N, C-alpha and C. Protein backbone atom coordinates (compact mmCIF):
# COMPACT_ATOMS: atom_id res chain seq x y z
N MET A 1 -172.67 -2.86 -123.36
CA MET A 1 -172.13 -2.79 -122.02
C MET A 1 -171.41 -1.46 -121.85
N ASN A 2 -171.71 -0.73 -120.82
CA ASN A 2 -171.16 0.59 -120.58
C ASN A 2 -170.24 0.53 -119.35
N LEU A 3 -168.95 0.48 -119.58
CA LEU A 3 -167.99 0.38 -118.48
C LEU A 3 -167.72 1.77 -117.90
N PHE A 4 -167.55 1.84 -116.60
CA PHE A 4 -167.38 3.11 -115.91
C PHE A 4 -166.14 3.86 -116.41
N HIS A 5 -165.06 3.18 -116.66
CA HIS A 5 -163.83 3.86 -117.06
C HIS A 5 -163.88 4.37 -118.51
N HIS A 6 -164.90 4.01 -119.27
CA HIS A 6 -165.05 4.48 -120.65
C HIS A 6 -165.84 5.78 -120.73
N LYS A 7 -166.38 6.22 -119.62
CA LYS A 7 -167.14 7.46 -119.62
C LYS A 7 -166.16 8.62 -119.77
N LYS A 8 -166.45 9.51 -120.71
CA LYS A 8 -165.44 10.51 -121.05
C LYS A 8 -165.71 11.90 -120.50
N PHE A 9 -166.84 12.14 -119.86
CA PHE A 9 -167.13 13.45 -119.29
C PHE A 9 -167.01 13.37 -117.78
N VAL A 10 -166.07 14.14 -117.22
CA VAL A 10 -165.75 14.05 -115.80
C VAL A 10 -166.02 15.39 -115.13
N CYS A 11 -166.70 15.35 -113.99
CA CYS A 11 -166.96 16.55 -113.20
C CYS A 11 -165.65 16.98 -112.54
N GLU A 12 -165.33 18.25 -112.67
CA GLU A 12 -164.09 18.78 -112.10
C GLU A 12 -164.15 18.88 -110.58
N LYS A 13 -165.35 18.93 -110.03
CA LYS A 13 -165.52 19.13 -108.58
C LYS A 13 -165.42 17.82 -107.79
N ASP A 14 -166.05 16.76 -108.30
CA ASP A 14 -166.06 15.51 -107.53
C ASP A 14 -165.62 14.29 -108.34
N ASN A 15 -165.12 14.51 -109.55
CA ASN A 15 -164.60 13.45 -110.42
C ASN A 15 -165.62 12.39 -110.82
N GLU A 16 -166.89 12.69 -110.68
CA GLU A 16 -167.91 11.75 -111.15
C GLU A 16 -167.90 11.75 -112.68
N LYS A 17 -168.11 10.58 -113.28
CA LYS A 17 -167.99 10.43 -114.73
C LYS A 17 -169.37 10.21 -115.37
N PHE A 18 -169.48 10.70 -116.62
CA PHE A 18 -170.76 10.64 -117.32
C PHE A 18 -170.56 10.22 -118.77
N ASP A 19 -171.61 9.63 -119.34
CA ASP A 19 -171.57 9.17 -120.72
C ASP A 19 -171.65 10.31 -121.73
N ASN A 20 -172.39 11.36 -121.38
CA ASN A 20 -172.54 12.46 -122.34
C ASN A 20 -172.50 13.80 -121.61
N TYR A 21 -172.33 14.84 -122.39
CA TYR A 21 -172.16 16.18 -121.85
C TYR A 21 -173.42 16.69 -121.16
N GLU A 22 -174.59 16.31 -121.67
CA GLU A 22 -175.84 16.75 -121.08
C GLU A 22 -175.99 16.24 -119.64
N GLU A 23 -175.55 15.01 -119.39
CA GLU A 23 -175.60 14.47 -118.03
C GLU A 23 -174.67 15.24 -117.10
N LEU A 24 -173.51 15.61 -117.61
CA LEU A 24 -172.56 16.40 -116.82
C LEU A 24 -173.15 17.77 -116.49
N ILE A 25 -173.82 18.38 -117.45
CA ILE A 25 -174.46 19.68 -117.22
C ILE A 25 -175.55 19.56 -116.16
N ASP A 26 -176.39 18.54 -116.27
CA ASP A 26 -177.45 18.33 -115.27
C ASP A 26 -176.84 18.12 -113.88
N HIS A 27 -175.79 17.33 -113.80
CA HIS A 27 -175.10 17.08 -112.54
C HIS A 27 -174.57 18.39 -111.96
N SER A 28 -173.91 19.18 -112.79
CA SER A 28 -173.33 20.45 -112.33
C SER A 28 -174.40 21.42 -111.86
N ARG A 29 -175.51 21.44 -112.58
CA ARG A 29 -176.62 22.34 -112.23
C ARG A 29 -177.27 21.93 -110.90
N HIS A 30 -177.57 20.64 -110.74
CA HIS A 30 -178.36 20.19 -109.59
C HIS A 30 -177.52 19.84 -108.37
N ILE A 31 -176.33 19.30 -108.55
CA ILE A 31 -175.51 18.90 -107.41
C ILE A 31 -174.64 20.05 -106.92
N HIS A 32 -174.00 20.75 -107.85
CA HIS A 32 -173.06 21.81 -107.47
C HIS A 32 -173.65 23.21 -107.62
N HIS A 33 -174.88 23.31 -108.12
CA HIS A 33 -175.59 24.58 -108.28
C HIS A 33 -174.78 25.59 -109.09
N MET A 34 -174.15 25.09 -110.14
CA MET A 34 -173.37 25.95 -111.03
C MET A 34 -174.30 26.66 -112.00
N THR A 35 -173.90 27.85 -112.38
CA THR A 35 -174.62 28.58 -113.41
C THR A 35 -174.27 27.98 -114.76
N ILE A 36 -175.27 27.63 -115.53
CA ILE A 36 -175.06 27.03 -116.85
C ILE A 36 -175.24 28.13 -117.90
N LEU A 37 -174.30 28.21 -118.81
CA LEU A 37 -174.31 29.23 -119.86
C LEU A 37 -174.97 28.67 -121.12
N LYS A 38 -175.77 29.50 -121.77
CA LYS A 38 -176.44 29.07 -123.00
C LYS A 38 -175.92 29.85 -124.19
N CYS A 39 -175.87 29.17 -125.32
CA CYS A 39 -175.54 29.82 -126.58
C CYS A 39 -176.75 30.66 -126.99
N ASP A 40 -176.53 31.93 -127.31
CA ASP A 40 -177.63 32.80 -127.73
C ASP A 40 -178.18 32.38 -129.09
N GLY A 41 -177.36 31.74 -129.89
CA GLY A 41 -177.78 31.35 -131.24
C GLY A 41 -178.65 30.12 -131.28
N CYS A 42 -178.26 29.08 -130.54
CA CYS A 42 -178.99 27.81 -130.66
C CYS A 42 -179.51 27.26 -129.33
N GLY A 43 -179.11 27.86 -128.21
CA GLY A 43 -179.60 27.41 -126.91
C GLY A 43 -178.83 26.28 -126.28
N LYS A 44 -177.77 25.81 -126.91
CA LYS A 44 -176.97 24.73 -126.35
C LYS A 44 -176.34 25.21 -125.04
N GLU A 45 -176.24 24.31 -124.06
CA GLU A 45 -175.76 24.69 -122.73
C GLU A 45 -174.31 24.29 -122.51
N PHE A 46 -173.62 25.11 -121.70
CA PHE A 46 -172.20 24.89 -121.41
C PHE A 46 -171.92 25.21 -119.95
N ILE A 47 -170.92 24.51 -119.40
CA ILE A 47 -170.52 24.74 -118.02
C ILE A 47 -169.53 25.89 -117.95
N HIS A 48 -168.62 25.96 -118.90
CA HIS A 48 -167.56 26.98 -118.89
C HIS A 48 -167.76 27.99 -120.01
N LYS A 49 -167.41 29.22 -119.71
CA LYS A 49 -167.52 30.30 -120.69
C LYS A 49 -166.64 30.02 -121.91
N LYS A 50 -165.44 29.48 -121.69
CA LYS A 50 -164.53 29.20 -122.80
C LYS A 50 -165.11 28.17 -123.76
N ASP A 51 -165.87 27.21 -123.24
CA ASP A 51 -166.51 26.21 -124.10
C ASP A 51 -167.61 26.83 -124.95
N ARG A 52 -168.37 27.73 -124.34
CA ARG A 52 -169.43 28.42 -125.09
C ARG A 52 -168.82 29.29 -126.18
N LEU A 53 -167.76 30.01 -125.86
CA LEU A 53 -167.11 30.86 -126.86
C LEU A 53 -166.54 30.04 -128.01
N HIS A 54 -165.94 28.90 -127.68
CA HIS A 54 -165.41 28.01 -128.72
C HIS A 54 -166.55 27.53 -129.63
N HIS A 55 -167.66 27.15 -129.02
CA HIS A 55 -168.83 26.69 -129.78
C HIS A 55 -169.30 27.79 -130.73
N VAL A 56 -169.42 29.00 -130.21
CA VAL A 56 -169.90 30.10 -131.04
C VAL A 56 -168.96 30.33 -132.21
N ARG A 57 -167.67 30.32 -131.95
CA ARG A 57 -166.69 30.53 -133.03
C ARG A 57 -166.77 29.42 -134.08
N GLU A 58 -166.89 28.20 -133.65
CA GLU A 58 -166.88 27.07 -134.58
C GLU A 58 -168.22 26.85 -135.27
N GLU A 59 -169.29 26.85 -134.51
CA GLU A 59 -170.60 26.48 -135.04
C GLU A 59 -171.33 27.63 -135.72
N HIS A 60 -171.10 28.83 -135.26
CA HIS A 60 -171.85 29.97 -135.79
C HIS A 60 -170.95 30.94 -136.54
N GLU A 61 -169.84 30.44 -137.05
CA GLU A 61 -168.86 31.28 -137.73
C GLU A 61 -169.45 32.01 -138.94
N LYS A 62 -170.26 31.33 -139.71
CA LYS A 62 -170.85 31.96 -140.90
C LYS A 62 -171.75 33.13 -140.52
N GLU A 63 -172.52 32.96 -139.44
CA GLU A 63 -173.37 34.06 -138.99
C GLU A 63 -172.53 35.24 -138.54
N LEU A 64 -171.44 34.97 -137.84
CA LEU A 64 -170.56 36.05 -137.39
C LEU A 64 -169.92 36.75 -138.58
N ASP A 65 -169.50 35.99 -139.58
CA ASP A 65 -168.90 36.59 -140.77
C ASP A 65 -169.89 37.51 -141.47
N ARG A 66 -171.12 37.08 -141.54
CA ARG A 66 -172.15 37.89 -142.18
C ARG A 66 -172.30 39.22 -141.44
N ARG A 67 -172.27 39.20 -140.13
CA ARG A 67 -172.40 40.42 -139.35
C ARG A 67 -171.15 41.29 -139.48
N GLU A 68 -169.98 40.69 -139.51
CA GLU A 68 -168.75 41.45 -139.61
C GLU A 68 -168.63 42.18 -140.93
N HIS A 69 -169.20 41.64 -141.99
CA HIS A 69 -169.06 42.22 -143.32
C HIS A 69 -170.28 43.04 -143.74
N ARG A 70 -171.12 43.36 -142.80
CA ARG A 70 -172.33 44.09 -143.18
C ARG A 70 -172.02 45.50 -143.67
N ASP A 71 -170.89 46.07 -143.28
CA ASP A 71 -170.52 47.41 -143.71
C ASP A 71 -170.16 47.49 -145.18
N ILE A 72 -169.82 46.37 -145.79
CA ILE A 72 -169.45 46.35 -147.20
C ILE A 72 -170.60 46.81 -148.07
N TYR A 73 -171.82 46.50 -147.68
CA TYR A 73 -172.97 46.76 -148.52
C TYR A 73 -173.74 48.03 -148.14
N LYS A 74 -173.11 48.89 -147.37
CA LYS A 74 -173.78 50.13 -146.99
C LYS A 74 -174.03 50.99 -148.22
N LYS A 75 -175.17 51.63 -148.22
CA LYS A 75 -175.51 52.52 -149.31
C LYS A 75 -174.70 53.81 -149.16
N VAL A 76 -174.10 54.25 -150.24
CA VAL A 76 -173.30 55.46 -150.21
C VAL A 76 -174.25 56.65 -150.23
N LYS A 77 -174.09 57.52 -149.25
CA LYS A 77 -174.96 58.69 -149.20
C LYS A 77 -174.46 59.73 -150.19
N LYS A 78 -175.40 60.25 -150.96
CA LYS A 78 -175.06 61.24 -151.97
C LYS A 78 -175.58 62.60 -151.54
N ASN A 79 -175.01 63.59 -152.15
CA ASN A 79 -175.49 64.95 -151.98
C ASN A 79 -176.91 65.00 -152.56
N PRO A 80 -177.87 65.64 -151.89
CA PRO A 80 -179.25 65.68 -152.42
C PRO A 80 -179.33 66.25 -153.84
N GLN A 81 -178.52 67.24 -154.14
CA GLN A 81 -178.56 67.81 -155.49
C GLN A 81 -178.07 66.79 -156.52
N ASP A 82 -177.07 65.97 -156.15
CA ASP A 82 -176.58 64.92 -157.06
C ASP A 82 -177.68 63.91 -157.35
N GLU A 83 -178.47 63.58 -156.35
CA GLU A 83 -179.58 62.64 -156.56
C GLU A 83 -180.63 63.23 -157.50
N ILE A 84 -180.92 64.51 -157.34
CA ILE A 84 -181.89 65.18 -158.23
C ILE A 84 -181.37 65.19 -159.66
N ASP A 85 -180.10 65.54 -159.82
CA ASP A 85 -179.50 65.56 -161.15
C ASP A 85 -179.54 64.18 -161.80
N GLU A 86 -179.27 63.15 -161.02
CA GLU A 86 -179.30 61.78 -161.55
C GLU A 86 -180.70 61.41 -162.01
N GLN A 87 -181.70 61.76 -161.24
CA GLN A 87 -183.09 61.48 -161.64
C GLN A 87 -183.48 62.27 -162.88
N ASN A 88 -183.05 63.51 -162.96
CA ASN A 88 -183.37 64.35 -164.13
C ASN A 88 -182.76 63.80 -165.41
N ARG A 89 -181.60 63.18 -165.33
CA ARG A 89 -180.95 62.60 -166.51
C ARG A 89 -181.77 61.44 -167.07
N LYS A 90 -182.55 60.79 -166.22
CA LYS A 90 -183.36 59.65 -166.65
C LYS A 90 -184.57 60.09 -167.49
N PHE A 91 -184.97 61.34 -167.34
CA PHE A 91 -186.14 61.83 -168.04
C PHE A 91 -185.74 62.81 -169.13
N SER A 92 -186.54 62.86 -170.18
CA SER A 92 -186.24 63.74 -171.30
C SER A 92 -187.49 64.49 -171.73
N ASP A 93 -187.30 65.71 -172.23
CA ASP A 93 -188.43 66.50 -172.74
C ASP A 93 -188.75 66.14 -174.19
N ASN A 94 -187.91 65.32 -174.80
CA ASN A 94 -188.13 64.94 -176.19
C ASN A 94 -189.30 63.97 -176.27
N LEU A 95 -190.23 64.30 -177.11
CA LEU A 95 -191.39 63.43 -177.29
C LEU A 95 -191.30 62.64 -178.55
């Protein structure tokens, strides 16, 4: 049994209540013609920008950390002569 007062998603414009967030999004899109925001990572839809940002921070945090730390693994650029000298040390004329 699904009682009306137990519905936890409420439209801010007309106070209509819904069982799940997807129904609220559909209502907002079709009744109020609101622009729905999508997560670039997974495609999940949101009514408010703050909700999408919260989702990205919480759900995709590991991906963001990976991008933030990409500079740690940058290859150190060497002087071309240093690279030649390093390669020459690997080889020997001794037979």
